[in-house]
Amino acid sequence: MIKHKIIIAGAGFGGVRAALKLARNDSCEVTVVSDRDTFRYYPALYATATGHTHEESLIKLSEIFAGTNVTFVKDTLKGLEPGRKKLIGKKVRTAMIR
């Protein structure tokens, strides 16, 4: 079986949802790249107005992706080389896209 290597830039609502949905497919190898290692659940931010801290609305991406075939890379993406099928980050210089 051919593995499709998928890289998702960003771990907001769209990135996390796409990663989890794609990870259900055994033919997909999913990597999420984000400059943050937490997911901010915006609907819970109202709690800060009632005395809670905004940290209570953060969920560790490692917890979200636990038990899935999603790989998380904490990095800031700086560029894209479509002709070479590469992403360029601050830490990870290139990541292959297939």
C-alpha atoms as a PDB file:
ATOM      1  CA  MET A   1       0.000   0.000   0.000  1.00  0.00           C
ATOM      2  CA  ILE A   2       1.330   3.452  -0.919  1.00  0.00           C
ATOM      3  CA  LYS A   3       1.604   5.849   2.006  1.00  0.00           C
ATOM      4  CA  HIS A   4       0.529   9.414   1.293  1.00  0.00           C
ATOM      5  CA  LYS A   5       2.732  11.840   3.229  1.00  0.00           C
ATOM      6  CA  ILE A   6       0.638  14.825   4.256  1.00  0.00           C
ATOM      7  CA  ILE A   7       1.983  17.890   6.030  1.00  0.00           C
ATOM      8  CA  ILE A   8      -0.486  20.281   7.643  1.00  0.00           C
ATOM      9  CA  ALA A   9       0.739  23.796   8.407  1.00  0.00           C
ATOM     10  CA  GLY A  10      -0.935  25.068  11.551  1.00  0.00           C
ATOM     11  CA  ALA A  11      -2.756  23.507  14.485  1.00  0.00           C
ATOM     12  CA  GLY A  12      -5.894  25.592  14.722  1.00  0.00           C
ATOM     13  CA  PHE A  13      -9.401  24.171  14.433  1.00  0.00           C
ATOM     14  CA  GLY A  14      -8.949  23.351  10.737  1.00  0.00           C
ATOM     15  CA  GLY A  15      -5.474  21.829  11.028  1.00  0.00           C
ATOM     16  CA  VAL A  16      -6.296  19.655  14.026  1.00  0.00           C
ATOM     17  CA  ARG A  17      -9.588  18.457  12.538  1.00  0.00           C
ATOM     18  CA  ALA A  18      -7.984  17.654   9.177  1.00  0.00           C
ATOM     19  CA  ALA A  19      -5.103  15.795  10.844  1.00  0.00           C
ATOM     20  CA  LEU A  20      -7.383  13.668  13.009  1.00  0.00           C
ATOM     21  CA  LYS A  21      -9.686  12.844  10.108  1.00  0.00           C
ATOM     22  CA  LEU A  22      -6.816  11.961   7.740  1.00  0.00           C
ATOM     23  CA  ALA A  23      -5.100   9.892  10.464  1.00  0.00           C
ATOM     24  CA  ARG A  24      -8.012   7.455  10.379  1.00  0.00           C
ATOM     25  CA  ASN A  25      -6.885   6.375   6.915  1.00  0.00           C
ATOM     26  CA  ASP A  26      -4.059   3.821   7.102  1.00  0.00           C
ATOM     27  CA  SER A  27      -2.675   5.003   3.775  1.00  0.00           C
ATOM     28  CA  CYS A  28      -1.927   8.477   5.204  1.00  0.00           C
ATOM     29  CA  GLU A  29       1.131   9.535   7.173  1.00  0.00           C
ATOM     30  CA  VAL A  30       0.202  12.891   8.715  1.00  0.00           C
ATOM     31  CA  THR A  31       2.571  15.518  10.123  1.00  0.00           C
ATOM     32  CA  VAL A  32       1.360  18.745  11.730  1.00  0.00           C
ATOM     33  CA  VAL A  33       3.758  21.690  11.939  1.00  0.00           C
ATOM     34  CA  SER A  34       2.925  24.556  14.289  1.00  0.00           C
ATOM     35  CA  ASP A  35       4.858  27.180  16.204  1.00  0.00           C
ATOM     36  CA  ARG A  36       2.821  26.349  19.316  1.00  0.00           C
ATOM     37  CA  ASP A  37       2.585  23.046  21.135  1.00  0.00           C
ATOM     38  CA  THR A  38      -0.905  23.809  22.401  1.00  0.00           C
ATOM     39  CA  PHE A  39      -4.325  24.155  20.821  1.00  0.00           C
ATOM     40  CA  ARG A  40      -6.283  27.200  21.950  1.00  0.00           C
ATOM     41  CA  TYR A  41      -9.932  26.328  22.414  1.00  0.00           C
ATOM     42  CA  TYR A  42     -11.446  29.759  21.816  1.00  0.00           C
ATOM     43  CA  PRO A  43     -14.983  28.940  23.005  1.00  0.00           C
ATOM     44  CA  ALA A  44     -13.534  28.449  26.510  1.00  0.00           C
ATOM     45  CA  LEU A  45     -11.878  31.885  26.628  1.00  0.00           C
ATOM     46  CA  TYR A  46     -15.035  33.423  28.105  1.00  0.00           C
ATOM     47  CA  ALA A  47     -13.944  31.826  31.375  1.00  0.00           C
ATOM     48  CA  THR A  48     -11.157  34.404  31.704  1.00  0.00           C
ATOM     49  CA  ALA A  49     -13.851  37.014  32.308  1.00  0.00           C
ATOM     50  CA  THR A  50     -15.116  34.960  35.237  1.00  0.00           C
ATOM     51  CA  GLY A  51     -11.811  34.595  37.042  1.00  0.00           C
ATOM     52  CA  HIS A  52     -10.252  31.633  35.262  1.00  0.00           C
ATOM     53  CA  THR A  53      -6.873  31.820  33.529  1.00  0.00           C
ATOM     54  CA  HIS A  54      -6.564  31.660  29.744  1.00  0.00           C
ATOM     55  CA  GLU A  55      -4.293  28.610  30.207  1.00  0.00           C
ATOM     56  CA  GLU A  56      -7.433  26.653  31.046  1.00  0.00           C
ATOM     57  CA  SER A  57      -8.487  27.013  27.399  1.00  0.00           C
ATOM     58  CA  LEU A  58      -5.230  25.463  26.123  1.00  0.00           C
ATOM     59  CA  ILE A  59      -4.926  21.777  25.260  1.00  0.00           C
ATOM     60  CA  LYS A  60      -1.553  20.145  24.614  1.00  0.00           C
ATOM     61  CA  LEU A  61      -1.303  18.915  21.029  1.00  0.00           C
ATOM     62  CA  SER A  62       0.490  15.814  22.310  1.00  0.00           C
ATOM     63  CA  GLU A  63      -2.720  14.936  24.181  1.00  0.00           C
ATOM     64  CA  ILE A  64      -4.919  15.569  21.145  1.00  0.00           C
ATOM     65  CA  PHE A  65      -2.753  13.426  18.853  1.00  0.00           C
ATOM     66  CA  ALA A  66      -2.032  10.662  21.399  1.00  0.00           C
ATOM     67  CA  GLY A  67      -2.958   7.250  20.042  1.00  0.00           C
ATOM     68  CA  THR A  68      -3.098   8.432  16.418  1.00  0.00           C
ATOM     69  CA  ASN A  69      -0.584   8.229  13.593  1.00  0.00           C
ATOM     70  CA  VAL A  70      -0.183  12.021  13.575  1.00  0.00           C
ATOM     71  CA  THR A  71       3.351  13.335  14.096  1.00  0.00           C
ATOM     72  CA  PHE A  72       3.671  16.803  15.602  1.00  0.00           C
ATOM     73  CA  VAL A  73       6.630  19.086  14.833  1.00  0.00           C
ATOM     74  CA  LYS A  74       7.008  22.355  16.728  1.00  0.00           C
ATOM     75  CA  ASP A  75       8.523  24.794  14.259  1.00  0.00           C
ATOM     76  CA  THR A  76       7.864  28.085  12.511  1.00  0.00           C
ATOM     77  CA  LEU A  77       7.450  27.686   8.775  1.00  0.00           C
ATOM     78  CA  LYS A  78       9.401  30.242   6.772  1.00  0.00           C
ATOM     79  CA  GLY A  79       8.844  29.190   3.191  1.00  0.00           C
ATOM     80  CA  LEU A  80       7.687  26.745   0.575  1.00  0.00           C
ATOM     81  CA  GLU A  81       9.550  25.367  -2.426  1.00  0.00           C
ATOM     82  CA  PRO A  82       6.747  23.838  -4.524  1.00  0.00           C
ATOM     83  CA  GLY A  83       9.045  22.750  -7.361  1.00  0.00           C
ATOM     84  CA  ARG A  84      11.226  20.806  -4.920  1.00  0.00           C
ATOM     85  CA  LYS A  85       8.232  19.690  -2.805  1.00  0.00           C
ATOM     86  CA  LYS A  86       9.745  21.072   0.404  1.00  0.00           C
ATOM     87  CA  LEU A  87       8.715  23.198   3.349  1.00  0.00           C
ATOM     88  CA  ILE A  88      11.284  25.331   5.110  1.00  0.00           C
ATOM     89  CA  GLY A  89      11.133  25.917   8.844  1.00  0.00           C
ATOM     90  CA  LYS A  90      13.356  27.628  11.397  1.00  0.00           C
ATOM     91  CA  LYS A  91      14.437  24.339  12.998  1.00  0.00           C
ATOM     92  CA  VAL A  92      13.582  21.709  10.409  1.00  0.00           C
ATOM     93  CA  ARG A  93      15.180  23.072   7.276  1.00  0.00           C
ATOM     94  CA  THR A  94      13.164  20.963   4.881  1.00  0.00           C
ATOM     95  CA  ALA A  95      10.345  18.468   5.081  1.00  0.00           C
ATOM     96  CA  MET A  96       9.482  16.301   2.099  1.00  0.00           C
ATOM     97  CA  ILE A  97       5.988  16.495   0.700  1.00  0.00           C
ATOM     98  CA  ARG A  98       4.952  13.500  -1.397  1.00  0.00           C
END
